[in-house]
Amino acid sequence: MALSDYKGVFIFAQQVDGELSSIALELVGKAKELAQPLNTQVTAVLLGSNVKGLCDELGEYGADRVILVDDPKLETYRTEPYAQALAAVINEYKPEIMLVGATAIGRDLGPTVSARVATGLTADCTKLDIGDFPLNPTPGQEQLHNQLLMTRPAFGGNTIATIACPNNRPQMATVRPGVMVKCPPEKGRKAEVIEFHPTLEENNKYVEILKVVKDMGKKVDIQSAKILVSGGRGVGSPENFKLLDDLADAIGGTVSCSRAVVDAGWKPKDLQVGQTGKTVRPNVYFAIGISGAIQHVAGMEESDIIIAINKDESAPIFDVADYGIVGDLNKIVPMLTQAIKEEKAKTA
């Protein structure tokens, strides 16, 4: 079959316990953008058991079609039945592009499926575009148009690679959560729903789920925070993060950090912002004691307002900050916290 027979931008609409994951709606938004220059449709692939009710939500967020595979074997995520189902959809409907979220599920499912349908996969992408490949014309090499250009950090975040898959279809990528933006929902917008019933065969790769234990402990989700108070190596010590905790408590924010802080063992990995951490888009982002290396900036530059506090006036973070304060954070942060508390007391 010719590559030209593959049409459409497809996304894997991840759901857990009958609720769409945020990454599914983010991918629909990006798929709409990619579909425009290709003059094609956006199709969401929804796998699960008793999940048909989620089709309307996918339609409201921009999906033109939903391919629904509803089967009791898909009630809880397991690699084998989900891989069989998604590979069957790809083989039947032949998408030009297939996007999967780079979640714990997507990082397991994406490569498994790409191997089964004999195509490549670019993992953990932070940017997707439609363009020419090679990027620059090369003598003696044909420049192909309308290719999916997949950008991701490489070599530990020290460089950025743009990758294409010109000779195989679909062009597959896993996409980091929080990087793409959901489109505003259109209430009442409907997607065409296609119920697909592939054969899911039990084999020696099936696992049996003996028990599901849900972790009810409190977890901090920095990607959903409206205000982030982020600290870097310049904070000085894990004990000194108490200053940031106090500021976050006063302003109703959440504490996050840079990679250097995680590498030093001061904070856990799930609080890290940056190319090798999480991408965030808060209303306000405080960058305190953070130099502003490109790896960190890539994870927070889309914040609405960036406020930087650093003693080094030449720190790169000031190049992306909306407001900058040059000085000792040990003096500035407590003063800022106290001023916020006093202002709140006046309006209480």
Protein backbone atom coordinates (compact mmCIF):
# COMPACT_ATOMS: atom_id res chain seq x y z
CA MET A 1 0.00 0.00 0.00
CA ALA A 2 1.29 3.49 -0.92
CA LEU A 3 2.00 6.09 1.75
CA SER A 4 -0.58 8.33 0.06
CA ASP A 5 -3.31 5.88 1.11
CA TYR A 6 -2.83 6.89 4.74
CA LYS A 7 -5.08 9.81 5.69
CA GLY A 8 -6.08 11.71 8.78
CA VAL A 9 -4.67 12.78 12.13
CA PHE A 10 -5.54 10.26 14.86
CA ILE A 11 -5.05 10.57 18.61
CA PHE A 12 -5.29 7.95 21.34
CA ALA A 13 -7.95 9.28 23.73
CA GLN A 14 -6.67 7.95 27.03
CA GLN A 15 -9.30 7.37 29.69
CA VAL A 16 -8.94 5.99 33.19
CA ASP A 17 -11.92 4.76 35.20
CA GLY A 18 -14.33 6.15 32.62
CA GLU A 19 -12.89 9.67 32.68
CA LEU A 20 -10.90 11.26 29.85
CA SER A 21 -7.35 12.19 30.77
CA SER A 22 -6.38 15.81 30.17
CA ILE A 23 -3.76 14.72 27.63
CA ALA A 24 -6.52 13.33 25.38
CA LEU A 25 -8.10 16.77 25.03
CA GLU A 26 -4.70 18.42 24.60
CA LEU A 27 -3.94 16.05 21.73
CA VAL A 28 -7.28 16.77 20.06
CA GLY A 29 -6.41 20.48 20.10
CA LYS A 30 -3.00 19.87 18.54
CA ALA A 31 -4.45 17.42 16.02
CA LYS A 32 -6.86 20.11 14.80
CA GLU A 33 -3.90 22.40 14.16
CA LEU A 34 -1.94 19.71 12.31
CA ALA A 35 -4.97 18.67 10.25
CA GLN A 36 -5.50 22.13 8.73
CA PRO A 37 -2.53 22.21 6.31
CA LEU A 38 -3.22 18.56 5.45
CA ASN A 39 -6.90 19.29 4.76
CA THR A 40 -7.96 16.23 6.71
CA GLN A 41 -10.01 15.05 9.69
CA VAL A 42 -9.22 14.61 13.36
CA THR A 43 -10.09 11.17 14.70
CA ALA A 44 -9.97 10.15 18.36
CA VAL A 45 -9.49 6.47 19.16
CA LEU A 46 -11.32 5.60 22.37
CA LEU A 47 -10.60 2.23 24.00
CA GLY A 48 -12.29 0.91 27.12
CA SER A 49 -15.37 -0.73 28.55
CA ASN A 50 -18.68 1.16 28.85
CA VAL A 51 -17.03 4.39 27.70
CA LYS A 52 -19.35 5.41 24.85
CA GLY A 53 -20.54 8.36 26.93
CA LEU A 54 -17.13 10.01 26.47
CA CYS A 55 -17.60 10.41 22.72
CA ASP A 56 -19.63 13.60 23.10
CA GLU A 57 -16.88 15.26 25.13
CA LEU A 58 -14.31 14.43 22.46
CA GLY A 59 -16.61 15.94 19.84
CA GLU A 60 -17.05 19.14 21.83
CA TYR A 61 -13.27 19.54 22.08
CA GLY A 62 -12.76 19.20 18.33
CA ALA A 63 -12.70 15.57 17.20
CA ASP A 64 -14.46 15.03 13.87
CA ARG A 65 -14.73 11.27 14.41
CA VAL A 66 -14.42 8.90 17.32
CA ILE A 67 -13.50 5.28 16.67
CA LEU A 68 -14.87 3.44 19.68
CA VAL A 69 -13.57 0.03 20.73
CA ASP A 70 -15.74 -0.95 23.68
CA ASP A 71 -14.88 -4.34 25.12
CA PRO A 72 -14.86 -5.83 28.65
CA LYS A 73 -11.25 -6.88 28.09
CA LEU A 74 -10.35 -3.17 27.94
CA GLU A 75 -11.90 -2.22 31.29
CA THR A 76 -8.50 -1.74 32.95
CA TYR A 77 -5.35 -0.92 31.04
CA ARG A 78 -3.24 -3.92 30.08
CA THR A 79 -0.59 -3.78 27.40
CA GLU A 80 -1.66 -6.72 25.25
CA PRO A 81 -5.40 -6.12 24.69
CA TYR A 82 -4.89 -2.38 24.29
CA ALA A 83 -2.04 -2.91 21.83
CA GLN A 84 -4.13 -5.39 19.83
CA ALA A 85 -7.04 -2.94 19.72
CA LEU A 86 -5.03 0.13 18.70
CA ALA A 87 -2.97 -1.79 16.13
CA ALA A 88 -6.20 -3.15 14.64
CA VAL A 89 -7.59 0.40 14.34
CA ILE A 90 -4.41 1.58 12.60
CA ASN A 91 -4.38 -1.36 10.18
CA GLU A 92 -8.06 -0.86 9.34
CA TYR A 93 -8.33 2.93 9.08
CA LYS A 94 -4.73 3.80 8.08
CA PRO A 95 -4.02 7.16 9.73
CA GLU A 96 -1.27 9.37 8.36
CA ILE A 97 -0.43 10.57 11.88
CA MET A 98 -1.01 8.80 15.22
CA LEU A 99 -0.45 10.72 18.46
CA VAL A 100 -0.31 9.19 21.94
CA GLY A 101 0.19 10.95 25.26
CA ALA A 102 3.57 10.41 26.94
CA THR A 103 1.91 9.21 30.13
CA ALA A 104 2.73 5.99 31.98
CA ILE A 105 0.14 4.27 29.78
CA GLY A 106 1.18 5.98 26.55
CA ARG A 107 4.87 5.29 27.04
CA ASP A 108 4.03 1.61 27.31
CA LEU A 109 1.40 1.46 24.58
CA GLY A 110 2.97 3.70 21.90
CA PRO A 111 6.20 1.78 21.23
CA THR A 112 4.42 -1.58 21.45
CA VAL A 113 1.93 -0.55 18.77
CA SER A 114 4.50 1.15 16.54
CA ALA A 115 6.50 -2.09 16.40
CA ARG A 116 3.39 -4.09 15.48
CA VAL A 117 2.41 -1.78 12.62
CA ALA A 118 6.05 -1.52 11.43
CA THR A 119 6.62 2.19 11.78
CA GLY A 120 8.82 4.50 13.82
CA LEU A 121 7.93 6.45 16.93
CA THR A 122 9.41 9.65 18.32
CA ALA A 123 9.03 9.67 22.10
CA ASP A 124 8.32 12.48 24.54
CA CYS A 125 7.79 15.24 21.98
CA THR A 126 7.50 18.86 23.06
CA LYS A 127 6.65 20.32 19.64
CA LEU A 128 4.88 19.09 16.50
CA ASP A 129 4.65 20.81 13.12
CA ILE A 130 3.80 20.07 9.51
CA GLY A 131 6.66 21.01 7.19
CA ASP A 132 9.39 19.98 4.78
CA PHE A 133 11.96 17.26 5.37
CA PRO A 134 14.93 17.60 5.26
CA LEU A 135 14.42 20.96 6.93
CA ASN A 136 16.88 22.56 4.51
CA PRO A 137 17.15 21.54 0.84
CA THR A 138 20.03 19.11 0.29
CA PRO A 139 21.61 18.63 -3.15
CA GLY A 140 20.73 15.24 -4.58
CA GLN A 141 18.04 14.55 -1.97
CA GLU A 142 14.33 15.08 -2.54
CA GLN A 143 12.71 17.44 -0.07
CA LEU A 144 9.40 15.95 1.02
CA HIS A 145 6.47 18.18 1.92
CA ASN A 146 3.70 17.92 4.53
CA GLN A 147 5.76 15.75 6.85
CA LEU A 148 5.19 15.53 10.59
CA LEU A 149 8.18 17.23 12.22
CA MET A 150 8.56 15.88 15.75
CA THR A 151 10.75 17.84 18.18
CA ARG A 152 12.02 16.46 21.46
CA PRO A 153 14.89 17.01 23.90
CA ALA A 154 17.90 14.75 23.43
CA PHE A 155 21.11 13.92 25.30
CA GLY A 156 19.60 14.69 28.70
CA GLY A 157 18.01 17.89 27.50
CA ASN A 158 21.27 19.42 26.30
CA THR A 159 20.11 19.64 22.69
CA ILE A 160 16.88 19.64 20.69
CA ALA A 161 16.25 17.11 17.91
CA THR A 162 13.67 17.42 15.13
CA ILE A 163 12.78 14.02 13.70
CA ALA A 164 10.68 12.88 10.74
CA CYS A 165 9.42 9.51 9.55
CA PRO A 166 9.31 9.98 5.77
CA ASN A 167 9.24 6.35 4.64
CA ASN A 168 6.67 4.70 6.89
CA ARG A 169 3.10 5.34 8.02
CA PRO A 170 1.62 6.24 10.32
CA GLN A 171 3.97 8.89 11.63
CA MET A 172 3.79 8.20 15.36
CA ALA A 173 4.75 10.29 18.39
CA THR A 174 4.18 10.33 22.09
CA VAL A 175 3.59 13.87 23.35
CA ARG A 176 4.49 15.23 26.75
CA PRO A 177 1.44 16.22 28.85
CA GLY A 178 0.98 19.93 29.43
CA VAL A 179 2.81 21.00 26.27
CA MET A 180 -0.19 21.29 23.94
CA VAL A 181 -3.24 23.46 24.60
CA LYS A 182 -6.84 22.27 24.69
CA CYS A 183 -9.23 24.07 22.38
CA PRO A 184 -12.22 25.74 24.07
CA PRO A 185 -15.12 23.25 23.99
CA GLU A 186 -18.04 23.90 21.65
CA LYS A 187 -21.14 22.81 23.52
CA GLY A 188 -23.36 20.60 21.42
CA ARG A 189 -20.70 19.87 18.80
CA LYS A 190 -20.93 16.22 17.80
CA ALA A 191 -18.40 13.79 16.38
CA GLU A 192 -19.21 10.91 14.09
CA VAL A 193 -18.98 7.74 16.19
CA ILE A 194 -17.74 4.54 14.56
CA GLU A 195 -18.03 1.40 16.67
CA PHE A 196 -15.21 -0.96 15.76
CA HIS A 197 -15.03 -4.55 17.02
CA PRO A 198 -11.57 -6.08 16.49
CA THR A 199 -10.86 -9.56 17.73
CA LEU A 200 -8.90 -9.41 20.98
CA GLU A 201 -7.23 -12.78 21.39
CA GLU A 202 -5.92 -13.91 24.74
CA ASN A 203 -2.36 -15.21 24.49
CA ASN A 204 0.69 -15.73 26.66
CA LYS A 205 1.30 -11.97 26.75
CA TYR A 206 -1.93 -11.32 28.65
CA VAL A 207 -1.53 -10.49 32.32
CA GLU A 208 -4.13 -11.18 34.96
CA ILE A 209 -5.04 -8.29 37.26
CA LEU A 210 -5.35 -9.72 40.74
CA LYS A 211 -6.00 -6.50 42.59
CA VAL A 212 -6.17 -2.77 41.89
CA VAL A 213 -4.84 -0.59 44.72
CA LYS A 214 -5.51 3.11 44.36
CA ASP A 215 -3.02 5.46 45.98
CA MET A 216 -5.17 7.91 47.90
CA GLY A 217 -2.19 9.84 49.24
CA LYS A 218 -1.98 13.54 48.50
CA LYS A 219 -0.02 14.23 45.33
CA VAL A 220 1.01 17.62 44.06
CA ASP A 221 0.10 18.28 40.43
CA ILE A 222 2.23 21.22 39.34
CA GLN A 223 0.74 21.11 35.83
CA SER A 224 -2.69 22.15 37.09
CA ALA A 225 -1.43 24.85 39.49
CA LYS A 226 -2.41 28.45 38.74
CA ILE A 227 0.53 29.88 40.69
CA LEU A 228 3.94 28.21 40.93
CA VAL A 229 6.75 29.24 43.25
CA SER A 230 9.76 27.55 41.70
CA GLY A 231 13.22 27.33 43.22
CA GLY A 232 16.62 26.54 41.76
CA ARG A 233 20.10 25.81 42.98
CA GLY A 234 20.38 29.44 44.04
CA VAL A 235 17.97 28.79 46.93
CA GLY A 236 21.03 27.32 48.62
CA SER A 237 19.75 24.34 50.59
CA PRO A 238 16.69 22.13 51.08
CA GLU A 239 16.04 23.89 54.40
CA ASN A 240 15.94 27.25 52.62
CA PHE A 241 12.96 26.08 50.56
CA LYS A 242 10.95 26.98 53.67
CA LEU A 243 11.06 30.56 52.32
CA LEU A 244 9.36 29.38 49.12
CA ASP A 245 6.85 27.28 51.07
CA ASP A 246 5.85 30.35 53.07
CA LEU A 247 5.44 32.46 49.92
CA ALA A 248 3.38 29.73 48.24
CA ASP A 249 1.13 29.44 51.33
CA ALA A 250 0.61 33.20 51.44
CA ILE A 251 -0.28 33.55 47.76
CA GLY A 252 -2.15 30.27 47.29
CA GLY A 253 0.48 28.71 45.10
CA THR A 254 2.39 25.45 44.74
CA VAL A 255 6.13 24.90 45.08
CA SER A 256 8.09 23.47 42.14
CA CYS A 257 11.77 23.34 41.26
CA SER A 258 14.49 23.07 38.64
CA ARG A 259 16.43 19.97 37.61
CA ALA A 260 19.46 21.00 39.69
CA VAL A 261 17.31 20.84 42.82
CA VAL A 262 16.10 17.32 41.97
CA ASP A 263 19.61 16.17 41.09
CA ALA A 264 20.80 17.44 44.48
CA GLY A 265 18.09 15.41 46.19
CA TRP A 266 16.34 18.44 47.68
CA LYS A 267 12.96 17.85 46.01
CA PRO A 268 11.24 14.91 44.29
CA LYS A 269 11.19 14.47 40.52
CA ASP A 270 7.43 15.11 40.21
CA LEU A 271 8.02 18.78 41.17
CA GLN A 272 10.60 19.37 38.41
CA VAL A 273 9.87 21.90 35.67
CA GLY A 274 11.77 21.73 32.39
CA GLN A 275 12.55 19.63 29.34
CA THR A 276 13.35 16.57 31.44
CA GLY A 277 10.63 17.41 33.95
CA LYS A 278 7.13 18.76 33.39
CA THR A 279 5.86 21.53 31.15
CA VAL A 280 3.68 24.04 32.99
CA ARG A 281 1.47 26.99 32.02
CA PRO A 282 0.45 28.72 35.27
CA ASN A 283 -1.03 32.20 35.49
CA VAL A 284 1.98 33.29 37.57
CA TYR A 285 5.42 31.65 37.72
CA PHE A 286 7.98 32.73 40.31
CA ALA A 287 11.53 31.74 39.27
CA ILE A 288 13.58 32.09 42.44
CA GLY A 289 17.28 31.35 42.39
CA ILE A 290 16.92 29.86 38.90
CA SER A 291 19.55 30.85 36.33
CA GLY A 292 17.27 30.28 33.32
CA ALA A 293 19.02 27.56 31.33
CA ILE A 294 17.23 26.73 28.09
CA GLN A 295 16.22 23.32 29.44
CA HIS A 296 14.28 24.94 32.26
CA VAL A 297 12.85 27.81 30.23
CA ALA A 298 11.39 25.35 27.70
CA GLY A 299 9.17 23.99 30.46
CA MET A 300 7.74 27.29 31.73
CA GLU A 301 8.06 30.00 29.08
CA GLU A 302 4.35 29.81 28.21
CA SER A 303 3.38 31.00 31.72
CA ASP A 304 1.15 34.08 31.65
CA ILE A 305 3.37 36.12 33.99
CA ILE A 306 6.95 35.25 34.94
CA ILE A 307 8.56 36.89 37.98
CA ALA A 308 12.29 36.26 38.45
CA ILE A 309 14.33 36.82 41.61
CA ASN A 310 18.08 36.33 41.22
CA LYS A 311 21.21 38.00 42.57
CA ASP A 312 22.91 37.76 39.16
CA GLU A 313 21.64 40.59 36.99
CA SER A 314 22.95 38.85 33.86
CA ALA A 315 21.08 35.59 34.54
CA PRO A 316 19.28 34.37 31.36
CA ILE A 317 16.00 34.04 33.31
CA PHE A 318 15.58 37.82 33.09
CA ASP A 319 15.37 37.52 29.29
CA VAL A 320 12.03 35.70 29.57
CA ALA A 321 10.73 37.33 32.77
CA ASP A 322 7.94 39.90 32.73
CA TYR A 323 9.18 41.26 36.06
CA GLY A 324 12.66 40.87 37.51
CA ILE A 325 14.17 41.61 40.91
CA VAL A 326 17.94 41.59 41.29
CA GLY A 327 18.97 40.87 44.86
CA ASP A 328 19.32 38.41 47.71
CA LEU A 329 16.35 36.04 47.74
CA ASN A 330 16.86 35.50 51.46
CA LYS A 331 15.82 39.10 52.01
CA ILE A 332 13.42 39.62 49.10
CA VAL A 333 11.23 36.52 49.47
CA PRO A 334 10.37 37.08 53.18
CA MET A 335 9.61 40.74 52.44
CA LEU A 336 7.34 39.73 49.55
CA THR A 337 5.61 37.12 51.69
CA GLN A 338 5.00 39.62 54.49
CA ALA A 339 3.65 42.24 52.07
CA ILE A 340 1.20 39.70 50.62
CA LYS A 341 0.02 38.68 54.10
CA GLU A 342 -0.51 42.32 55.08
CA GLU A 343 -2.47 43.04 51.91
CA LYS A 344 -4.66 39.99 52.49
CA ALA A 345 -5.29 41.09 56.07
CA LYS A 346 -6.50 44.49 54.84
CA THR A 347 -9.05 42.93 52.50
CA ALA A 348 -10.19 40.21 54.92
